[in-house]
Amino acid sequence: MHGWQAQVKVRVIYCDEDKAIRAGPSENLQVKLSGIEEENVLSGFVLCSVAKPIPTVTEFTAQLQILELLDNAIFTAGSSLAHSFCC
């Protein structure tokens, strides 16, 4: 659901099933929230500050370096799908 927003409060953060006060890049977290039902939180939702929302883009330019190539890799010209993380 694009553009859907709810004001929530973080109750507790778990990192590898242990309570945490912070986490770093690539760590798997479970965040318990108040102000929204768990079934209304879907994969891909972004948790950010109301005062400083994360900006979105529809296009960006990138240079990629391939470190390992699988035997069955398929390359095509044109559009690509990328899932990226920023730190």
N, C-alpha and C. Protein backbone atom coordinates (compact mmCIF):
# COMPACT_ATOMS: atom_id res chain seq x y z
N MET A 1 0.85 -1.18 0.00
CA MET A 1 0.00 0.00 0.00
C MET A 1 0.90 1.24 0.00
N HIS A 2 1.07 1.88 -1.13
CA HIS A 2 1.98 3.01 -1.28
C HIS A 2 1.45 4.24 -0.54
N GLY A 3 2.33 4.89 0.20
CA GLY A 3 1.96 6.11 0.89
C GLY A 3 1.20 5.91 2.19
N TRP A 4 1.06 4.68 2.64
CA TRP A 4 0.33 4.40 3.87
C TRP A 4 1.18 4.78 5.06
N GLN A 5 0.59 5.49 6.03
CA GLN A 5 1.34 5.93 7.19
C GLN A 5 0.55 5.69 8.47
N ALA A 6 1.28 5.43 9.54
CA ALA A 6 0.69 5.32 10.87
C ALA A 6 1.71 5.84 11.86
N GLN A 7 1.25 6.58 12.84
CA GLN A 7 2.16 7.04 13.89
C GLN A 7 2.24 5.94 14.95
N VAL A 8 3.45 5.44 15.16
CA VAL A 8 3.66 4.32 16.08
C VAL A 8 4.77 4.68 17.07
N LYS A 9 4.90 3.84 18.09
CA LYS A 9 5.98 4.00 19.06
C LYS A 9 6.69 2.66 19.18
N VAL A 10 8.02 2.70 19.17
CA VAL A 10 8.81 1.48 19.32
C VAL A 10 8.78 1.08 20.79
N ARG A 11 8.28 -0.13 21.07
CA ARG A 11 8.23 -0.63 22.44
C ARG A 11 9.52 -1.36 22.81
N VAL A 12 10.00 -2.23 21.92
CA VAL A 12 11.22 -3.01 22.19
C VAL A 12 11.82 -3.46 20.87
N ILE A 13 13.14 -3.57 20.85
CA ILE A 13 13.88 -4.06 19.68
C ILE A 13 14.62 -5.32 20.08
N TYR A 14 14.50 -6.36 19.26
CA TYR A 14 15.24 -7.60 19.47
C TYR A 14 16.23 -7.78 18.33
N CYS A 15 17.45 -8.16 18.68
CA CYS A 15 18.49 -8.50 17.70
C CYS A 15 18.92 -9.92 18.03
N ASP A 16 18.64 -10.85 17.11
CA ASP A 16 18.92 -12.27 17.37
C ASP A 16 18.29 -12.74 18.67
N GLU A 17 17.04 -12.37 18.87
CA GLU A 17 16.23 -12.78 20.02
C GLU A 17 16.65 -12.18 21.36
N ASP A 18 17.65 -11.28 21.36
CA ASP A 18 18.07 -10.58 22.58
C ASP A 18 17.62 -9.13 22.49
N LYS A 19 17.17 -8.56 23.61
CA LYS A 19 16.80 -7.15 23.61
C LYS A 19 18.02 -6.30 23.24
N ALA A 20 17.79 -5.26 22.45
CA ALA A 20 18.89 -4.41 22.00
C ALA A 20 18.46 -2.94 22.06
N ILE A 21 19.42 -2.06 22.25
CA ILE A 21 19.13 -0.62 22.21
C ILE A 21 19.60 -0.01 20.90
N ARG A 22 20.40 -0.78 20.12
CA ARG A 22 20.84 -0.31 18.80
C ARG A 22 21.26 -1.52 17.98
N ALA A 23 21.39 -1.29 16.69
CA ALA A 23 21.81 -2.35 15.77
C ALA A 23 22.58 -1.73 14.63
N GLY A 24 23.37 -2.55 13.95
CA GLY A 24 24.17 -2.08 12.83
C GLY A 24 23.64 -2.60 11.51
N PRO A 25 24.29 -2.21 10.41
CA PRO A 25 23.87 -2.67 9.09
C PRO A 25 23.89 -4.19 8.98
N SER A 26 22.94 -4.73 8.26
CA SER A 26 22.82 -6.17 7.97
C SER A 26 22.38 -7.01 9.15
N GLU A 27 22.06 -6.42 10.28
CA GLU A 27 21.58 -7.21 11.42
C GLU A 27 20.07 -7.42 11.28
N ASN A 28 19.62 -8.62 11.60
CA ASN A 28 18.20 -8.93 11.55
C ASN A 28 17.55 -8.51 12.86
N LEU A 29 16.50 -7.73 12.74
CA LEU A 29 15.83 -7.19 13.92
C LEU A 29 14.36 -7.57 13.94
N GLN A 30 13.83 -7.62 15.12
CA GLN A 30 12.39 -7.70 15.32
C GLN A 30 12.02 -6.49 16.16
N VAL A 31 11.09 -5.69 15.67
CA VAL A 31 10.70 -4.45 16.35
C VAL A 31 9.25 -4.58 16.78
N LYS A 32 8.99 -4.44 18.06
CA LYS A 32 7.63 -4.47 18.58
C LYS A 32 7.14 -3.02 18.67
N LEU A 33 5.96 -2.77 18.10
CA LEU A 33 5.42 -1.42 18.02
C LEU A 33 4.09 -1.32 18.75
N SER A 34 3.78 -0.11 19.23
CA SER A 34 2.44 0.18 19.72
C SER A 34 1.85 1.21 18.76
N GLY A 35 0.55 1.21 18.61
CA GLY A 35 -0.11 2.14 17.71
C GLY A 35 -0.50 1.52 16.38
N ILE A 36 -0.18 0.23 16.19
CA ILE A 36 -0.54 -0.48 14.97
C ILE A 36 -0.61 -1.97 15.29
N GLU A 37 -1.52 -2.66 14.64
CA GLU A 37 -1.64 -4.11 14.83
C GLU A 37 -0.57 -4.81 14.01
N GLU A 38 -0.02 -5.89 14.55
CA GLU A 38 1.06 -6.62 13.89
C GLU A 38 0.69 -7.09 12.48
N GLU A 39 -0.56 -7.50 12.28
CA GLU A 39 -0.97 -7.97 10.95
C GLU A 39 -1.03 -6.86 9.91
N ASN A 40 -0.99 -5.59 10.35
CA ASN A 40 -0.98 -4.46 9.42
C ASN A 40 0.42 -4.01 9.04
N VAL A 41 1.44 -4.64 9.61
CA VAL A 41 2.83 -4.33 9.27
C VAL A 41 3.30 -5.39 8.28
N LEU A 42 3.64 -4.94 7.07
CA LEU A 42 4.00 -5.86 6.00
C LEU A 42 5.47 -5.74 5.63
N SER A 43 5.99 -6.77 5.03
CA SER A 43 7.37 -6.76 4.54
C SER A 43 7.55 -5.60 3.57
N GLY A 44 8.65 -4.88 3.73
CA GLY A 44 8.91 -3.73 2.86
C GLY A 44 8.53 -2.40 3.47
N PHE A 45 7.74 -2.39 4.55
CA PHE A 45 7.41 -1.14 5.21
C PHE A 45 8.67 -0.52 5.79
N VAL A 46 8.71 0.79 5.86
CA VAL A 46 9.87 1.53 6.37
C VAL A 46 9.48 2.24 7.65
N LEU A 47 10.30 2.09 8.68
CA LEU A 47 10.09 2.75 9.95
C LEU A 47 11.01 3.95 9.99
N CYS A 48 10.45 5.16 10.10
CA CYS A 48 11.28 6.37 10.12
C CYS A 48 10.63 7.45 10.96
N SER A 49 11.37 8.49 11.20
CA SER A 49 10.92 9.62 12.00
C SER A 49 9.84 10.40 11.25
N VAL A 50 8.83 10.86 11.99
CA VAL A 50 7.80 11.72 11.40
C VAL A 50 8.41 13.07 11.03
N ALA A 51 9.31 13.57 11.89
CA ALA A 51 9.93 14.87 11.66
C ALA A 51 10.93 14.84 10.49
N LYS A 52 11.59 13.69 10.28
CA LYS A 52 12.59 13.56 9.21
C LYS A 52 12.32 12.30 8.41
N PRO A 53 11.26 12.29 7.58
CA PRO A 53 10.95 11.07 6.83
C PRO A 53 12.06 10.75 5.82
N ILE A 54 12.22 9.46 5.54
CA ILE A 54 13.22 9.02 4.58
C ILE A 54 12.76 9.41 3.18
N PRO A 55 13.62 10.12 2.42
CA PRO A 55 13.21 10.50 1.07
C PRO A 55 13.17 9.28 0.15
N THR A 56 12.29 9.32 -0.84
CA THR A 56 12.20 8.23 -1.80
C THR A 56 12.64 8.72 -3.17
N VAL A 57 13.07 7.80 -3.99
CA VAL A 57 13.48 8.13 -5.36
C VAL A 57 12.83 7.13 -6.31
N THR A 58 12.71 7.52 -7.55
CA THR A 58 12.20 6.61 -8.57
C THR A 58 13.31 6.19 -9.53
N GLU A 59 14.47 6.83 -9.41
CA GLU A 59 15.57 6.51 -10.31
C GLU A 59 16.89 6.90 -9.66
N PHE A 60 17.93 6.11 -9.90
CA PHE A 60 19.26 6.47 -9.44
C PHE A 60 20.28 5.84 -10.38
N THR A 61 21.48 6.36 -10.39
CA THR A 61 22.57 5.84 -11.20
C THR A 61 23.56 5.15 -10.29
N ALA A 62 24.01 3.96 -10.71
CA ALA A 62 24.93 3.20 -9.88
C ALA A 62 25.99 2.53 -10.75
N GLN A 63 27.14 2.31 -10.17
CA GLN A 63 28.19 1.50 -10.78
C GLN A 63 28.34 0.27 -9.92
N LEU A 64 28.33 -0.89 -10.55
CA LEU A 64 28.39 -2.15 -9.82
C LEU A 64 29.71 -2.86 -10.11
N GLN A 65 30.21 -3.52 -9.11
CA GLN A 65 31.39 -4.36 -9.27
C GLN A 65 30.97 -5.79 -8.91
N ILE A 66 31.08 -6.69 -9.87
CA ILE A 66 30.69 -8.08 -9.64
C ILE A 66 31.88 -8.81 -9.05
N LEU A 67 31.70 -9.32 -7.83
CA LEU A 67 32.78 -10.00 -7.13
C LEU A 67 32.79 -11.49 -7.39
N GLU A 68 31.62 -12.06 -7.65
CA GLU A 68 31.52 -13.50 -7.91
C GLU A 68 30.41 -13.70 -8.92
N LEU A 69 30.65 -14.51 -9.92
CA LEU A 69 29.66 -14.76 -10.96
C LEU A 69 29.26 -16.23 -10.94
N LEU A 70 27.97 -16.47 -10.79
CA LEU A 70 27.47 -17.85 -10.78
C LEU A 70 27.48 -18.41 -12.20
N ASP A 71 27.59 -19.73 -12.32
CA ASP A 71 27.61 -20.38 -13.63
C ASP A 71 26.33 -20.16 -14.42
N ASN A 72 25.21 -20.03 -13.73
CA ASN A 72 23.93 -19.90 -14.42
C ASN A 72 23.42 -18.45 -14.43
N ALA A 73 24.31 -17.48 -14.31
CA ALA A 73 23.91 -16.07 -14.29
C ALA A 73 23.35 -15.66 -15.65
N ILE A 74 22.29 -14.85 -15.63
CA ILE A 74 21.66 -14.36 -16.86
C ILE A 74 21.76 -12.84 -16.85
N PHE A 75 22.28 -12.29 -17.93
CA PHE A 75 22.36 -10.83 -18.08
C PHE A 75 21.49 -10.40 -19.24
N THR A 76 20.78 -9.30 -19.07
CA THR A 76 19.97 -8.74 -20.16
C THR A 76 20.22 -7.25 -20.24
N ALA A 77 20.05 -6.69 -21.40
CA ALA A 77 20.17 -5.24 -21.57
C ALA A 77 18.87 -4.59 -21.12
N GLY A 78 18.97 -3.39 -20.58
CA GLY A 78 17.76 -2.66 -20.20
C GLY A 78 17.57 -2.60 -18.71
N SER A 79 16.32 -2.64 -18.28
CA SER A 79 15.96 -2.46 -16.88
C SER A 79 16.45 -3.60 -16.01
N SER A 80 16.70 -3.26 -14.76
CA SER A 80 17.11 -4.25 -13.77
C SER A 80 16.33 -4.01 -12.49
N LEU A 81 16.25 -5.02 -11.68
CA LEU A 81 15.64 -4.91 -10.36
C LEU A 81 16.75 -4.98 -9.34
N ALA A 82 16.77 -4.04 -8.42
CA ALA A 82 17.81 -4.04 -7.40
C ALA A 82 17.17 -3.80 -6.05
N HIS A 83 17.68 -4.48 -5.05
CA HIS A 83 17.26 -4.26 -3.67
C HIS A 83 18.50 -3.73 -2.96
N SER A 84 18.43 -2.51 -2.47
CA SER A 84 19.64 -1.91 -1.91
C SER A 84 19.42 -1.50 -0.46
N PHE A 85 20.52 -1.45 0.26
CA PHE A 85 20.54 -0.99 1.65
C PHE A 85 21.52 0.18 1.73
N CYS A 86 21.16 1.20 2.45
CA CYS A 86 22.05 2.34 2.62
C CYS A 86 22.40 2.48 4.10
N CYS A 87 23.61 2.87 4.35
CA CYS A 87 24.07 3.04 5.73
C CYS A 87 24.38 4.49 5.98
